[in-house]
Amino acid sequence: MRKVTLFIAVSLDGYIADKNGGVSWLAGQEPNADDMVSYHDFIQEIDTVIMGWTTYHQIVTELSPDHWYYQGMQSYVVTHKKIPPAEDIIFTQETPAKLVKSLRESEGEGIWICGGANLAQQLIREDLIDTYHLSVIPTILGDGIRLFGTADREIRLKWKGTRTYHGITDLIYERGICAGHGMSCV
């Protein structure tokens, strides 16, 4: 079964974007430093990227308008819009849970949940995230788009590692396993 990872940057106070949806605050504390240290390691084991429409739109209009940043990986954009596929990109109206469940059973490497908050929250509620890799940026936004919404149950996680570079701290957790039950603790 393929592994599903939520790999995402978050402000110290839990936001993935400012109140206007902006992400200009994503850099670490050292100007001109390579703030994508953990990304370069992470992406080596990924061949599938899933994102929502807002994340996709932000990538193609602001962050990387000249080329598709995830070229060579199969990308899925979950949207209500009917858009024909493009090279390496499939636009789908499937629910995030249904899409992830089917991809998990298919051949391939890791599946990256790239963003945004609504997509991530749906998968968290369904307990479909295997690994949570949060890159905590040394910024307090005070308001914005929260990564975690309200939940109807507890999801226990198991600490796997921590890494710090340029003021950014990566927190890596996996779903906890209930002793003797072989399922995640919820």
Protein backbone atom coordinates (compact mmCIF):
# COMPACT_ATOMS: atom_id res chain seq x y z
CA MET A 1 0.00 0.00 0.00
CA ARG A 2 1.32 3.45 -0.93
CA LYS A 3 2.13 5.93 1.82
CA VAL A 4 0.21 9.24 2.03
CA THR A 5 2.12 12.23 3.43
CA LEU A 6 0.87 15.67 4.30
CA PHE A 7 4.03 17.72 3.71
CA ILE A 8 3.25 21.37 4.29
CA ALA A 9 4.63 24.60 5.72
CA VAL A 10 2.79 26.15 8.63
CA SER A 11 3.27 29.31 10.67
CA LEU A 12 4.11 28.96 14.35
CA ASP A 13 0.46 29.69 15.15
CA GLY A 14 -0.92 27.04 12.78
CA TYR A 15 -1.73 28.83 9.51
CA ILE A 16 -0.78 27.70 5.99
CA ALA A 17 -1.56 31.08 4.41
CA ASP A 18 -2.21 34.62 5.61
CA LYS A 19 -5.75 36.05 5.74
CA ASN A 20 -5.52 36.97 2.04
CA GLY A 21 -4.27 33.51 1.07
CA GLY A 22 -0.70 34.77 0.64
CA VAL A 23 2.42 32.73 1.35
CA SER A 24 5.17 35.35 1.06
CA TRP A 25 6.07 34.63 4.71
CA LEU A 26 7.29 31.07 3.94
CA ALA A 27 11.01 31.85 4.05
CA GLY A 28 13.11 30.99 7.08
CA GLN A 29 15.00 33.53 9.14
CA GLU A 30 18.12 33.64 6.93
CA PRO A 31 17.81 35.68 3.72
CA ASN A 32 19.07 33.91 0.59
CA ALA A 33 19.32 30.54 2.38
CA ASP A 34 17.95 27.39 0.75
CA ASP A 35 14.71 26.97 2.72
CA MET A 36 13.73 23.82 0.85
CA VAL A 37 16.25 21.55 2.56
CA SER A 38 13.76 18.90 3.68
CA TYR A 39 11.72 19.17 0.47
CA HIS A 40 14.65 17.96 -1.64
CA ASP A 41 14.96 14.82 0.51
CA PHE A 42 11.21 14.25 0.76
CA ILE A 43 10.42 14.52 -2.95
CA GLN A 44 12.79 11.67 -3.85
CA GLU A 45 10.19 9.10 -2.72
CA ILE A 46 7.12 10.81 -4.23
CA ASP A 47 5.55 10.28 -7.66
CA THR A 48 2.03 11.57 -7.04
CA VAL A 49 0.91 15.03 -5.87
CA ILE A 50 -2.63 15.93 -4.76
CA MET A 51 -3.84 19.48 -4.23
CA GLY A 52 -7.00 21.54 -4.22
CA TRP A 53 -7.96 24.13 -6.81
CA THR A 54 -6.79 27.13 -4.76
CA THR A 55 -3.31 25.65 -4.29
CA TYR A 56 -3.11 24.79 -7.99
CA HIS A 57 -4.22 28.27 -9.01
CA GLN A 58 -1.69 29.91 -6.69
CA ILE A 59 1.11 27.77 -8.12
CA VAL A 60 0.33 28.52 -11.78
CA THR A 61 -0.41 32.22 -11.30
CA GLU A 62 2.03 33.31 -8.57
CA LEU A 63 4.60 30.77 -7.44
CA SER A 64 5.61 29.14 -10.73
CA PRO A 65 3.69 30.67 -13.66
CA ASP A 66 6.29 29.76 -16.29
CA HIS A 67 6.53 26.01 -15.73
CA TRP A 68 4.71 23.24 -13.87
CA TYR A 69 6.79 22.75 -10.74
CA TYR A 70 5.83 19.07 -10.38
CA GLN A 71 6.71 18.00 -13.90
CA GLY A 72 7.32 14.25 -14.15
CA MET A 73 5.01 13.48 -11.24
CA GLN A 74 1.34 12.61 -11.64
CA SER A 75 -0.60 15.56 -10.23
CA TYR A 76 -4.25 15.52 -9.21
CA VAL A 77 -6.20 18.72 -8.67
CA VAL A 78 -9.43 18.23 -6.73
CA THR A 79 -11.96 20.75 -8.03
CA HIS A 80 -15.64 21.19 -8.81
CA LYS A 81 -14.66 22.68 -12.17
CA LYS A 82 -14.77 20.52 -15.29
CA ILE A 83 -11.31 20.93 -16.81
CA PRO A 84 -9.66 18.57 -19.28
CA PRO A 85 -6.37 17.00 -18.20
CA ALA A 86 -3.07 18.67 -19.03
CA GLU A 87 0.41 17.13 -19.20
CA ASP A 88 1.02 15.40 -15.83
CA ILE A 89 -2.16 16.99 -14.36
CA ILE A 90 -5.57 15.39 -13.85
CA PHE A 91 -8.43 17.60 -12.68
CA THR A 92 -10.90 15.50 -10.73
CA GLN A 93 -14.26 15.98 -9.08
CA GLU A 94 -13.77 12.88 -6.91
CA THR A 95 -13.83 13.43 -3.19
CA PRO A 96 -10.33 13.59 -1.70
CA ALA A 97 -11.03 10.46 0.38
CA LYS A 98 -12.16 8.40 -2.62
CA LEU A 99 -9.21 9.58 -4.71
CA VAL A 100 -6.65 8.77 -2.00
CA LYS A 101 -8.17 5.37 -1.27
CA SER A 102 -7.97 4.36 -4.93
CA LEU A 103 -4.44 5.73 -5.40
CA ARG A 104 -3.22 3.94 -2.27
CA GLU A 105 -4.12 0.61 -3.86
CA SER A 106 -2.43 1.39 -7.19
CA GLU A 107 1.22 0.85 -8.12
CA GLY A 108 3.63 3.65 -7.43
CA GLU A 109 5.65 5.49 -4.86
CA GLY A 110 4.55 7.97 -2.19
CA ILE A 111 1.53 10.25 -2.41
CA TRP A 112 2.01 13.86 -1.35
CA ILE A 113 -0.88 15.93 -0.05
CA CYS A 114 0.41 19.34 -1.11
CA GLY A 115 -2.47 21.57 -0.01
CA GLY A 116 -4.71 23.25 0.80
CA ALA A 117 -6.42 23.31 4.13
CA ASN A 118 -9.85 22.09 3.04
CA LEU A 119 -8.39 19.09 1.21
CA ALA A 120 -6.06 18.25 4.12
CA GLN A 121 -8.86 18.59 6.68
CA GLN A 122 -11.09 16.17 4.75
CA LEU A 123 -8.32 13.57 4.62
CA ILE A 124 -7.45 14.10 8.29
CA ARG A 125 -11.09 13.57 9.27
CA GLU A 126 -11.08 10.29 7.31
CA ASP A 127 -7.74 9.30 8.92
CA LEU A 128 -6.09 8.87 5.51
CA ILE A 129 -2.80 10.63 6.29
CA ASP A 130 0.03 8.23 7.14
CA THR A 131 2.73 10.84 7.80
CA TYR A 132 2.43 14.46 8.91
CA HIS A 133 5.52 16.45 7.91
CA LEU A 134 5.04 20.02 9.10
CA SER A 135 7.69 22.63 8.37
CA VAL A 136 7.13 25.26 11.06
CA ILE A 137 8.16 28.69 9.80
CA PRO A 138 9.35 31.18 12.46
CA THR A 139 6.44 33.55 11.85
CA ILE A 140 3.29 34.34 13.82
CA LEU A 141 0.57 35.42 11.39
CA GLY A 142 -2.21 36.05 13.91
CA ASP A 143 -4.89 35.25 11.33
CA GLY A 144 -5.24 33.32 8.11
CA ILE A 145 -6.10 29.88 6.79
CA ARG A 146 -5.71 27.26 9.50
CA LEU A 147 -4.24 23.89 8.67
CA PHE A 148 -6.27 22.01 11.24
CA GLY A 149 -10.01 22.54 11.59
CA THR A 150 -12.25 21.09 14.23
CA ALA A 151 -12.34 17.33 14.56
CA ASP A 152 -14.94 14.94 15.90
CA ARG A 153 -12.31 12.61 17.36
CA GLU A 154 -8.75 12.39 18.50
CA ILE A 155 -6.06 11.09 16.15
CA ARG A 156 -2.97 9.91 17.99
CA LEU A 157 0.38 10.35 16.29
CA LYS A 158 3.80 8.85 16.84
CA TRP A 159 6.86 11.13 16.69
CA LYS A 160 9.32 10.13 13.94
CA GLY A 161 11.76 13.03 13.87
CA THR A 162 12.64 16.67 14.09
CA ARG A 163 14.98 18.72 11.92
CA THR A 164 15.95 22.38 12.14
CA TYR A 165 17.53 24.61 9.49
CA HIS A 166 17.48 28.39 8.90
CA GLY A 167 15.02 28.81 11.78
CA ILE A 168 12.55 26.33 10.24
CA THR A 169 11.67 23.28 12.33
CA ASP A 170 10.35 20.16 10.64
CA LEU A 171 8.07 18.06 12.84
CA ILE A 172 7.46 14.56 11.50
CA TYR A 173 4.76 12.27 12.90
CA GLU A 174 3.11 9.07 11.77
CA ARG A 175 -0.28 7.71 12.65
CA GLY A 176 -0.12 5.92 15.99
CA ILE A 177 -0.76 2.19 16.03
CA CYS A 178 -2.96 0.76 18.78
CA ALA A 179 -1.15 -2.11 20.47
CA GLY A 180 -2.50 -5.41 19.19
CA HIS A 181 -5.25 -3.89 17.08
CA GLY A 182 -3.33 -3.11 13.86
CA MET A 183 -5.30 0.09 13.26
CA SER A 184 -4.71 3.72 13.98
CA CYS A 185 -5.73 5.02 17.38
CA VAL A 186 -8.72 7.31 17.02
